[in-house]
């Protein structure tokens, strides 16, 4: 259990820290674009991203997750021939599908600009991003290899470097031309450069024997990847529907200005989703290895801890974002984007279900049950699409946020029920109740400190949050939601 605890805590922490830093630069990218383009152009850029994202499932076809799982398994017995077969098939297949997808969008660009985006600027934007889509499988392949080889530092550092490059490139390109093609071109460049950056490291450090090793059971491995990928692609398709349908339907039913406001609120709420996503990145290959070694009893113990600590860490930030959404959006994006306050409030609460859902998805895939994830995702996607069709015309962007929150709740709840059928564990209900009480007291402390402190606004907010988090941590210990003995045990395992 010690080595697995260390991998989850250290690996998850590395991924989380780097992901937060990457998110910070992702935020800066949006801010730079929002400050240099008008709201309609800003909305058009992210509408193009969302439209391509909706069809991205046809590009990867679930092979990225399949590659992560089987690399972790093949590494246990050093089956290098099978590893090479899995890698070669994934790259070739995804490049072919990416080319087809990019070609279709290139041809349809004028029609989409006239009938869907209702803006002729979209022609150049769609065709340029089609090029980025064609190049993206290279970067996706290396990211999957980093995950499958359980190299969380390299995966997260590469993701951070990617966002830093896009940020810098966007600033430079916008300084020459304040058009929608400038930020899109930054993505084309990062996908192009990733090939030259990661390839030498791959051959020198990751797989130096690549050219010496022969392909082993290529057809069998390809079939394995596809069979695993089919339910994954179904789940991915459903997840993609949940991720992008709201923006696509807002574009159709409402205006690009609404898209702009929604595109400011979504990534802000997404800051709360990074913890769950970071855990999932580490858990999928790790749980696959543990299941292969028949360490199911350790998984059972780990699930209880993941459920408990996941909610403990996320809850105070959920409370802050749900209570001060308008203030947060005004500070980050400007007064014109504060209309997304309701969206941010709804999606921040949904982060609790998202965190649990990500843990469930990673573990179910790791133990070889992607079909369960697919069934749950289909139910959530159907619910999301149907509710979007009803709620967006009635409530606008708030209806889109509500639909997403419902989908997250479905994934979190049904995933937990199904995971319990596969692995025996106890839900930390008592810890969750105590955490909710501590979070409520945390909010009271923040509000009281905010009102009694007499200093500058920024200093007042920072000091109030620091004191509030300190009180929250002490309450978590005082109520024995987390015991000192438990902390000492985890610390010893990490060391």
Protein backbone atom coordinates (compact mmCIF):
# COMPACT_ATOMS: atom_id res chain seq x y z
CA UNK A 1 0.00 0.00 0.00
CA UNK A 2 2.92 2.33 0.78
CA UNK A 3 4.19 2.61 -2.81
CA UNK A 4 0.66 3.13 -4.16
CA UNK A 5 -0.12 5.82 -1.58
CA UNK A 6 3.09 7.59 -2.54
CA UNK A 7 2.25 7.40 -6.24
CA UNK A 8 -1.25 8.79 -5.71
CA UNK A 9 -0.25 11.56 -3.30
CA UNK A 10 3.02 12.62 -4.92
CA UNK A 11 1.87 12.02 -8.49
CA UNK A 12 -1.54 13.56 -7.88
CA UNK A 13 0.01 16.57 -6.14
CA UNK A 14 2.47 17.14 -8.98
CA UNK A 15 -0.27 16.92 -11.58
CA UNK A 16 -2.54 19.17 -9.52
CA UNK A 17 0.08 21.89 -8.99
CA UNK A 18 1.16 21.89 -12.63
CA UNK A 19 -2.46 21.72 -13.79
CA UNK A 20 -3.37 24.73 -11.67
CA UNK A 21 -0.39 26.61 -13.12
CA UNK A 22 -1.43 25.55 -16.62
CA UNK A 23 -4.96 26.70 -15.85
CA UNK A 24 -3.58 30.03 -14.71
CA UNK A 25 -1.92 30.52 -18.09
CA UNK A 26 -5.07 29.25 -19.78
CA UNK A 27 -6.90 32.00 -17.93
CA UNK A 28 -4.35 34.54 -19.03
CA UNK A 29 -4.84 33.40 -22.62
CA UNK A 30 -8.57 34.06 -22.37
CA UNK A 31 -7.94 37.41 -20.72
CA UNK A 32 -5.49 38.43 -23.45
CA UNK A 33 -7.94 37.40 -26.17
CA UNK A 34 -10.85 39.12 -24.39
CA UNK A 35 -8.85 42.35 -24.02
CA UNK A 36 -7.69 42.41 -27.65
CA UNK A 37 -10.86 41.29 -29.43
CA UNK A 38 -14.43 42.51 -29.06
CA UNK A 39 -16.96 40.22 -27.30
CA UNK A 40 -18.37 38.90 -30.61
CA UNK A 41 -14.90 37.92 -31.87
CA UNK A 42 -14.02 36.46 -28.47
CA UNK A 43 -17.21 34.40 -28.54
CA UNK A 44 -16.48 33.29 -32.11
CA UNK A 45 -13.02 31.98 -31.19
CA UNK A 46 -14.36 29.79 -28.38
CA UNK A 47 -17.38 28.77 -30.42
CA UNK A 48 -14.97 27.41 -33.06
CA UNK A 49 -13.01 25.57 -30.35
CA UNK A 50 -16.24 24.07 -28.97
CA UNK A 51 -17.49 23.00 -32.40
CA UNK A 52 -14.26 21.14 -33.17
CA UNK A 53 -14.26 19.73 -29.65
CA UNK A 54 -17.70 18.24 -30.21
CA UNK A 55 -16.34 16.23 -33.14
CA UNK A 56 -12.99 15.37 -31.54
CA UNK A 57 -14.27 11.93 -30.53
CA UNK A 58 -14.04 10.87 -34.18
CA UNK A 59 -10.38 11.79 -34.11
CA UNK A 60 -9.10 9.81 -31.14
CA UNK A 61 -11.77 7.04 -31.03
CA UNK A 62 -10.95 6.18 -27.43
CA UNK A 63 -7.42 5.02 -28.26
CA UNK A 64 -5.68 7.50 -25.94
CA UNK A 65 -7.22 5.94 -22.81
CA UNK A 66 -6.73 2.44 -24.24
CA UNK A 67 -3.03 3.18 -24.81
CA UNK A 68 -2.62 4.46 -21.24
CA UNK A 69 -4.20 1.31 -19.79
CA UNK A 70 -2.29 -1.23 -21.87
CA UNK A 71 1.08 0.52 -21.58
CA UNK A 72 0.70 0.25 -17.79
CA UNK A 73 -0.17 -3.46 -18.08
CA UNK A 74 2.52 -4.39 -20.64
CA UNK A 75 5.16 -2.62 -18.54
CA UNK A 76 4.50 -4.96 -15.61
CA UNK A 77 6.04 -7.86 -17.60
CA UNK A 78 8.26 -5.70 -19.88
CA UNK A 79 6.44 -6.78 -23.05
CA UNK A 80 8.25 -4.29 -25.28
CA UNK A 81 7.01 -5.73 -28.57
CA UNK A 82 3.41 -5.31 -27.49
CA UNK A 83 4.16 -1.78 -26.25
CA UNK A 84 5.57 -0.86 -29.68
CA UNK A 85 2.58 -2.40 -31.46
CA UNK A 86 0.17 -0.40 -29.31
CA UNK A 87 2.07 2.83 -29.95
CA UNK A 88 2.38 2.40 -33.72
CA UNK A 89 -1.27 1.49 -34.20
CA UNK A 90 -2.47 4.42 -32.10
CA UNK A 91 -0.40 7.03 -33.94
CA UNK A 92 -1.17 5.79 -37.47
CA UNK A 93 -4.88 5.35 -36.83
CA UNK A 94 -5.33 8.74 -35.17
CA UNK A 95 -3.39 10.64 -37.83
CA UNK A 96 -5.66 9.11 -40.49
CA UNK A 97 -8.88 10.02 -38.68
CA UNK A 98 -7.56 13.51 -37.87
CA UNK A 99 -6.81 14.10 -41.55
CA UNK A 100 -10.35 13.12 -42.56
CA UNK A 101 -11.91 15.34 -39.87
CA UNK A 102 -9.71 18.32 -40.82
CA UNK A 103 -10.53 17.90 -44.52
CA UNK A 104 -14.27 17.83 -43.86
CA UNK A 105 -14.15 21.04 -41.82
CA UNK A 106 -11.90 22.75 -44.39
CA UNK A 107 -14.46 22.06 -47.13
CA UNK A 108 -17.48 22.99 -44.98
CA UNK A 109 -15.96 26.23 -43.59
CA UNK A 110 -17.90 28.64 -45.87
CA UNK A 111 -21.21 26.87 -45.21
CA UNK A 112 -20.62 26.85 -41.43
CA UNK A 113 -19.70 30.55 -41.46
CA UNK A 114 -22.94 31.47 -43.23
CA UNK A 115 -25.45 29.09 -41.62
CA UNK A 116 -24.10 28.30 -38.16
CA UNK A 117 -21.63 30.93 -36.90
CA UNK A 118 -23.40 33.65 -38.95
CA UNK A 119 -20.09 35.47 -39.26
CA UNK A 120 -17.78 35.40 -42.29
CA UNK A 121 -14.69 35.70 -40.07
CA UNK A 122 -15.34 32.06 -39.18
CA UNK A 123 -14.12 30.82 -42.60
CA UNK A 124 -10.46 31.58 -41.90
CA UNK A 125 -10.75 30.55 -38.25
CA UNK A 126 -12.29 27.15 -39.03
CA UNK A 127 -9.75 26.34 -41.75
CA UNK A 128 -6.80 27.33 -39.58
CA UNK A 129 -8.02 25.29 -36.62
CA UNK A 130 -8.59 22.34 -38.96
CA UNK A 131 -4.83 22.33 -39.46
CA UNK A 132 -4.35 22.25 -35.68
CA UNK A 133 -6.70 19.26 -35.44
CA UNK A 134 -4.65 17.37 -38.02
CA UNK A 135 -1.44 17.96 -36.04
CA UNK A 136 -2.88 17.27 -32.57
CA UNK A 137 -2.53 13.42 -32.52
CA UNK A 138 1.27 13.78 -32.17
CA UNK A 139 1.00 15.69 -28.91
CA UNK A 140 -1.84 13.46 -27.67
CA UNK A 141 0.32 10.39 -28.29
CA UNK A 142 3.22 11.67 -26.18
CA UNK A 143 0.86 12.73 -23.39
CA UNK A 144 -0.67 9.22 -23.35
CA UNK A 145 2.80 7.65 -23.21
CA UNK A 146 3.74 9.83 -20.23
CA UNK A 147 0.57 8.71 -18.43
CA UNK A 148 0.93 5.03 -19.35
CA UNK A 149 4.56 5.00 -18.16
CA UNK A 150 3.35 6.66 -14.94
CA UNK A 151 5.44 9.78 -15.44
CA UNK A 152 3.12 12.38 -13.89
CA UNK A 153 5.88 15.00 -13.75
CA UNK A 154 6.53 14.85 -17.48
CA UNK A 155 2.83 14.79 -18.34
CA UNK A 156 1.95 17.76 -16.16
CA UNK A 157 5.13 19.70 -17.01
CA UNK A 158 4.47 19.20 -20.72
CA UNK A 159 0.91 20.44 -20.29
CA UNK A 160 2.15 23.51 -18.42
CA UNK A 161 4.82 24.22 -21.06
CA UNK A 162 2.13 23.93 -23.72
CA UNK A 163 -0.05 26.58 -22.09
CA UNK A 164 2.90 28.91 -21.47
CA UNK A 165 3.87 28.66 -25.14
CA UNK A 166 0.29 29.35 -26.32
CA UNK A 167 0.11 32.33 -23.93
CA UNK A 168 3.34 33.88 -25.22
CA UNK A 169 2.54 33.10 -28.86
CA UNK A 170 -0.95 34.60 -28.52
CA UNK A 171 0.45 37.87 -27.13
CA UNK A 172 3.03 38.12 -29.92
CA UNK A 173 0.60 37.24 -32.70
CA UNK A 174 -2.10 39.62 -31.42
CA UNK A 175 0.47 42.43 -31.29
CA UNK A 176 0.85 42.03 -35.07
CA UNK A 177 -2.78 41.30 -35.94
CA UNK A 178 -5.81 41.73 -33.68
CA UNK A 179 -7.93 39.13 -35.49
CA UNK A 180 -9.43 35.76 -34.51
CA UNK A 181 -6.74 33.92 -36.51
CA UNK A 182 -3.95 35.06 -34.16
CA UNK A 183 -4.95 32.98 -31.07
CA UNK A 184 -5.89 30.04 -33.31
CA UNK A 185 -2.49 30.15 -35.00
CA UNK A 186 -0.88 29.79 -31.55
CA UNK A 187 -2.47 26.32 -31.27
CA UNK A 188 -1.21 25.33 -34.71
CA UNK A 189 2.31 26.30 -33.65
CA UNK A 190 2.25 24.42 -30.34
CA UNK A 191 1.10 21.20 -32.03
CA UNK A 192 3.85 21.59 -34.66
CA UNK A 193 6.62 22.21 -32.14
CA UNK A 194 5.59 19.37 -29.80
CA UNK A 195 6.81 16.83 -32.37
CA UNK A 196 10.36 18.19 -32.31
CA UNK A 197 10.42 18.68 -28.52
CA UNK A 198 9.13 15.30 -27.32
CA UNK A 199 10.47 12.96 -30.01
CA UNK A 200 14.15 13.10 -28.91
CA UNK A 201 13.17 12.52 -25.27
CA UNK A 202 10.96 9.59 -26.28
CA UNK A 203 13.74 7.80 -28.18
CA UNK A 204 16.47 8.63 -25.66
CA UNK A 205 14.70 8.09 -22.32
CA UNK A 206 11.27 6.51 -22.73
CA UNK A 207 11.86 3.82 -25.36
CA UNK A 208 15.52 3.75 -26.52
CA UNK A 209 15.06 0.23 -27.97
CA UNK A 210 12.16 1.33 -30.18
CA UNK A 211 13.85 0.60 -33.53
CA UNK A 212 15.43 -2.64 -32.29
CA UNK A 213 12.20 -4.14 -30.97
CA UNK A 214 9.93 -5.95 -33.43
CA UNK A 215 6.19 -5.51 -33.49
CA UNK A 216 4.59 -8.27 -31.42
CA UNK A 217 1.09 -9.56 -32.21
CA UNK A 218 0.22 -6.29 -33.96
CA UNK A 219 -3.26 -7.38 -35.09
CA UNK A 220 -4.13 -8.78 -31.69
CA UNK A 221 -2.94 -5.64 -29.87
CA UNK A 222 -4.78 -3.42 -32.35
CA UNK A 223 -7.95 -5.41 -31.71
CA UNK A 224 -7.44 -5.08 -27.95
CA UNK A 225 -7.05 -1.33 -28.22
CA UNK A 226 -10.11 -0.97 -30.43
CA UNK A 227 -12.28 -3.21 -28.23
CA UNK A 228 -11.26 -1.22 -25.16
CA UNK A 229 -11.61 2.00 -27.13
CA UNK A 230 -15.18 1.32 -28.32
CA UNK A 231 -16.82 1.76 -24.91
CA UNK A 232 -14.32 4.52 -24.15
CA UNK A 233 -15.30 6.39 -27.31
CA UNK A 234 -18.95 6.00 -26.36
CA UNK A 235 -18.16 7.47 -22.96
CA UNK A 236 -15.95 10.11 -24.59
CA UNK A 237 -18.69 10.97 -27.06
CA UNK A 238 -21.10 11.41 -24.19
CA UNK A 239 -18.56 13.47 -22.22
CA UNK A 240 -17.89 15.57 -25.30
CA UNK A 241 -21.61 16.21 -25.65
CA UNK A 242 -21.67 17.39 -22.04
CA UNK A 243 -18.55 19.53 -22.51
CA UNK A 244 -19.40 21.26 -25.77
CA UNK A 245 -23.12 20.96 -26.53
CA UNK A 246 -23.94 23.87 -24.24
CA UNK A 247 -21.64 26.27 -26.13
CA UNK A 248 -22.79 24.95 -29.51
CA UNK A 249 -26.49 25.36 -28.63
CA UNK A 250 -25.92 28.78 -27.07
CA UNK A 251 -24.35 29.77 -30.41
CA UNK A 252 -27.43 28.45 -32.22
CA UNK A 253 -30.21 29.71 -29.91
CA UNK A 254 -28.61 32.88 -28.53
CA UNK A 255 -25.78 35.21 -29.55
CA UNK A 256 -21.98 35.19 -29.71
CA UNK A 257 -22.04 37.70 -26.84
CA UNK A 258 -23.76 35.04 -24.69
CA UNK A 259 -21.07 32.59 -25.79
CA UNK A 260 -18.43 35.08 -24.64
CA UNK A 261 -19.98 35.43 -21.16
CA UNK A 262 -20.41 31.66 -20.83
CA UNK A 263 -16.82 31.12 -22.03
CA UNK A 264 -15.62 33.32 -19.16
CA UNK A 265 -17.66 31.54 -16.47
CA UNK A 266 -16.94 27.96 -17.58
CA UNK A 267 -13.13 28.01 -17.15
CA UNK A 268 -13.51 29.86 -13.86
CA UNK A 269 -15.65 27.03 -12.51
CA UNK A 270 -13.23 24.65 -14.19
CA UNK A 271 -10.56 25.66 -11.69
CA UNK A 272 -12.48 23.52 -9.20
CA UNK A 273 -12.44 20.55 -11.54
CA UNK A 274 -8.67 20.28 -11.80
CA UNK A 275 -8.27 18.37 -8.54
CA UNK A 276 -10.55 15.55 -9.69
CA UNK A 277 -8.96 15.53 -13.15
CA UNK A 278 -5.47 15.40 -11.62
CA UNK A 279 -6.39 12.37 -9.54
CA UNK A 280 -7.89 10.64 -12.57
CA UNK A 281 -4.68 11.09 -14.59
CA UNK A 282 -2.70 9.23 -11.92
CA UNK A 283 -5.38 6.71 -10.93
CA UNK A 284 -6.09 5.13 -14.33
CA UNK A 285 -2.67 3.54 -14.96
CA UNK A 286 -2.08 2.95 -11.25
CA UNK A 287 -5.39 1.14 -10.69
CA UNK A 288 -4.72 -0.90 -13.85
CA UNK A 289 -1.40 -2.02 -12.38
CA UNK A 290 -2.94 -2.78 -8.97
CA UNK A 291 -5.78 -4.79 -10.52
CA UNK A 292 -3.30 -6.72 -12.67
CA UNK A 293 -1.32 -7.58 -9.51
CA UNK A 294 -4.59 -8.59 -7.74
CA UNK A 295 -4.38 -5.86 -5.08
CA UNK A 296 -8.13 -5.24 -4.98
CA UNK A 297 -8.18 -4.95 -1.17
CA UNK A 298 -5.81 -2.00 -1.40
CA UNK A 299 -8.07 -0.33 -3.95
CA UNK A 300 -10.97 -0.74 -1.54
CA UNK A 301 -9.09 1.07 1.21
CA UNK A 302 -7.91 3.74 -1.21
CA UNK A 303 -11.38 4.57 -2.56
CA UNK A 304 -12.65 5.53 0.89
CA UNK A 305 -9.69 7.86 1.40
CA UNK A 306 -10.03 9.37 -2.08
CA UNK A 307 -13.73 10.10 -1.54
CA UNK A 308 -13.07 11.68 1.82
CA UNK A 309 -10.02 13.79 1.02
CA UNK A 310 -11.32 14.77 -2.41
CA UNK A 311 -14.36 16.48 -0.91
CA UNK A 312 -12.41 17.96 2.03
CA UNK A 313 -9.99 19.70 -0.34
CA UNK A 314 -12.57 20.95 -2.86
CA UNK A 315 -15.41 22.10 -0.56
CA UNK A 316 -14.01 25.42 0.78
CA UNK A 317 -13.23 26.64 -2.74
CA UNK A 318 -16.68 25.57 -3.92
CA UNK A 319 -18.19 27.67 -1.14
CA UNK A 320 -16.14 30.73 -2.08
CA UNK A 321 -16.96 30.52 -5.76
CA UNK A 322 -20.66 29.91 -5.12
CA UNK A 323 -20.96 32.88 -2.75
CA UNK A 324 -18.84 35.45 -4.64
CA UNK A 325 -19.34 34.60 -8.35
CA UNK A 326 -20.00 38.13 -9.60
CA UNK A 327 -17.00 39.56 -7.77
CA UNK A 328 -14.71 36.85 -9.14
CA UNK A 329 -15.80 37.37 -12.76
CA UNK A 330 -15.57 41.15 -12.48
CA UNK A 331 -12.02 40.97 -11.12
CA UNK A 332 -10.83 38.44 -13.70
CA UNK A 333 -12.62 39.39 -16.91
CA UNK A 334 -14.22 42.78 -16.35
CA UNK A 335 -17.68 44.15 -15.59
CA UNK A 336 -19.17 43.07 -18.95
CA UNK A 337 -18.64 39.39 -18.02
CA UNK A 338 -20.19 39.55 -14.52
CA UNK A 339 -23.51 38.53 -16.10
CA UNK A 340 -22.22 34.98 -15.88
CA UNK A 341 -22.42 34.98 -12.06
CA UNK A 342 -25.35 32.54 -11.93
CA UNK A 343 -23.52 30.19 -14.30
CA UNK A 344 -20.44 30.24 -12.07
CA UNK A 345 -22.49 29.61 -8.92
CA UNK A 346 -24.26 26.58 -10.43
CA UNK A 347 -21.13 25.02 -11.90
CA UNK A 348 -19.06 25.55 -8.74
CA UNK A 349 -21.51 23.39 -6.76
CA UNK A 350 -21.39 20.81 -9.57
CA UNK A 351 -17.63 20.48 -8.91
CA UNK A 352 -18.39 18.20 -5.94
CA UNK A 353 -20.06 15.65 -8.21
CA UNK A 354 -17.36 16.15 -10.84
CA UNK A 355 -14.59 15.25 -8.37
CA UNK A 356 -16.27 12.00 -7.32
CA UNK A 357 -17.16 11.23 -10.93
CA UNK A 358 -13.54 11.57 -12.12
CA UNK A 359 -12.34 9.18 -9.41
CA UNK A 360 -14.99 6.64 -10.43
CA UNK A 361 -14.27 6.91 -14.16
CA UNK A 362 -10.52 6.39 -13.69
CA UNK A 363 -10.95 3.40 -11.39
CA UNK A 364 -13.61 1.69 -13.51
CA UNK A 365 -11.42 2.07 -16.61
CA UNK A 366 -8.38 0.88 -14.68
CA UNK A 367 -10.03 -2.37 -13.57
CA UNK A 368 -11.19 -3.04 -17.12
CA UNK A 369 -14.81 -1.87 -16.93
CA UNK A 370 -15.02 0.89 -19.55
CA UNK A 371 -18.46 -0.36 -20.63
CA UNK A 372 -19.89 0.75 -17.29
CA UNK A 373 -18.45 4.23 -17.84
CA UNK A 374 -19.96 4.23 -21.33
CA UNK A 375 -23.46 3.39 -20.08
CA UNK A 376 -23.34 6.06 -17.39
CA UNK A 377 -21.95 8.66 -19.79
CA UNK A 378 -24.70 7.92 -22.33
CA UNK A 379 -27.39 8.49 -19.70
CA UNK A 380 -25.73 11.75 -18.62
CA UNK A 381 -25.26 12.94 -22.22
CA UNK A 382 -28.88 12.26 -23.20
CA UNK A 383 -30.02 14.13 -20.09
CA UNK A 384 -27.62 16.99 -20.87
CA UNK A 385 -28.67 17.34 -24.50
CA UNK A 386 -32.39 17.15 -23.76
CA UNK A 387 -32.22 19.62 -20.88
CA UNK A 388 -30.07 22.00 -22.97
CA UNK A 389 -32.69 21.99 -25.72
CA UNK A 390 -35.35 22.93 -23.18
CA UNK A 391 -33.47 25.18 -20.75
CA UNK A 392 -31.25 27.27 -23.06
CA UNK A 393 -34.19 28.84 -24.97
CA UNK A 394 -35.93 29.48 -21.60
CA UNK A 395 -33.07 30.46 -19.28
CA UNK A 396 -30.18 31.18 -21.62
CA UNK A 397 -26.67 30.50 -20.29
CA UNK A 398 -28.04 29.69 -16.80
CA UNK A 399 -30.04 26.87 -18.38
CA UNK A 400 -26.86 25.53 -20.00
CA UNK A 401 -25.07 25.55 -16.63
CA UNK A 402 -27.99 23.74 -14.96
CA UNK A 403 -27.91 21.05 -17.64
CA UNK A 404 -24.18 20.51 -17.09
CA UNK A 405 -24.64 20.32 -13.31
CA UNK A 406 -27.35 17.67 -13.71
CA UNK A 407 -25.05 15.63 -15.97
CA UNK A 408 -22.20 15.80 -13.44
CA UNK A 409 -24.55 14.65 -10.68
CA UNK A 410 -25.67 11.66 -12.75
CA UNK A 411 -22.08 10.65 -13.50
CA UNK A 412 -20.97 11.01 -9.86
CA UNK A 413 -23.90 9.16 -8.30
CA UNK A 414 -24.30 6.32 -10.81
CA UNK A 415 -20.53 5.83 -11.00
CA UNK A 416 -20.27 5.40 -7.23
CA UNK A 417 -23.11 2.86 -7.24
CA UNK A 418 -21.50 0.83 -10.01
CA UNK A 419 -18.00 1.02 -8.53
CA UNK A 420 -19.33 -0.35 -5.23
CA UNK A 421 -20.64 -3.39 -7.09
CA UNK A 422 -17.15 -4.11 -8.44
CA UNK A 423 -15.08 -3.24 -5.35
CA UNK A 424 -16.28 -3.36 -1.76
CA UNK A 425 -15.81 -0.09 0.11
CA UNK A 426 -17.63 2.22 2.50
CA UNK A 427 -18.90 5.69 1.65
CA UNK A 428 -17.39 8.23 4.12
CA UNK A 429 -20.82 9.70 4.91
CA UNK A 430 -19.87 10.83 8.41
CA UNK A 431 -16.77 12.62 7.09
CA UNK A 432 -18.84 14.34 4.39
CA UNK A 433 -21.37 15.64 6.95
CA UNK A 434 -18.60 16.98 9.19
CA UNK A 435 -16.91 18.56 6.18
CA UNK A 436 -20.14 20.38 5.26
CA UNK A 437 -20.43 21.79 8.78
CA UNK A 438 -16.79 22.91 8.76
CA UNK A 439 -17.30 24.55 5.34
CA UNK A 440 -20.30 26.51 6.62
CA UNK A 441 -18.25 27.81 9.57
CA UNK A 442 -15.41 28.61 7.17
CA UNK A 443 -17.77 30.84 5.18
CA UNK A 444 -18.94 32.61 8.34
CA UNK A 445 -15.34 33.35 9.32
CA UNK A 446 -14.53 34.73 5.84
CA UNK A 447 -17.59 37.01 5.83
CA UNK A 448 -16.93 38.27 9.37
CA UNK A 449 -13.24 38.96 8.68
CA UNK A 450 -14.12 40.69 5.41
CA UNK A 451 -16.43 43.09 7.28
CA UNK A 452 -14.26 43.87 10.30
CA UNK A 453 -10.89 44.33 8.57
CA UNK A 454 -10.06 47.91 7.58
CA UNK A 455 -7.49 47.85 4.79
CA UNK A 456 -7.24 47.72 1.01
CA UNK A 457 -9.74 45.51 -0.83
CA UNK A 458 -7.22 42.99 -2.16
CA UNK A 459 -5.39 42.67 1.17
CA UNK A 460 -8.71 42.29 2.98
CA UNK A 461 -9.81 39.44 0.70
CA UNK A 462 -6.47 37.60 0.94
CA UNK A 463 -6.25 37.84 4.75
CA UNK A 464 -9.90 36.80 5.13
CA UNK A 465 -9.32 33.71 2.97
CA UNK A 466 -6.10 32.74 4.75
CA UNK A 467 -7.71 33.00 8.19
CA UNK A 468 -10.82 31.20 6.95
CA UNK A 469 -8.80 28.31 5.51
CA UNK A 470 -6.77 28.08 8.72
CA UNK A 471 -9.96 27.85 10.79
CA UNK A 472 -11.37 25.28 8.33
CA UNK A 473 -8.27 23.10 8.71
CA UNK A 474 -8.40 23.30 12.51
CA UNK A 475 -12.10 22.39 12.49
CA UNK A 476 -11.41 19.39 10.24
CA UNK A 477 -8.90 18.17 12.85
CA UNK A 478 -11.04 19.12 15.87
CA UNK A 479 -14.05 17.16 14.56
CA UNK A 480 -11.74 14.24 13.74
CA UNK A 481 -12.89 14.31 10.15
CA UNK A 482 -9.19 13.73 9.66
CA UNK A 483 -7.20 12.38 12.60
CA UNK A 484 -3.58 13.08 13.45
CA UNK A 485 -2.91 9.34 13.32
CA UNK A 486 -4.21 9.20 9.76
CA UNK A 487 -2.01 12.12 8.70
CA UNK A 488 1.05 10.51 10.29
CA UNK A 489 0.33 7.20 8.54
CA UNK A 490 -0.04 8.85 5.13
CA UNK A 491 3.10 10.93 5.73
CA UNK A 492 5.09 7.80 6.57
CA UNK A 493 3.85 6.04 3.45
CA UNK A 494 4.87 8.99 1.28
CA UNK A 495 8.34 9.13 2.85
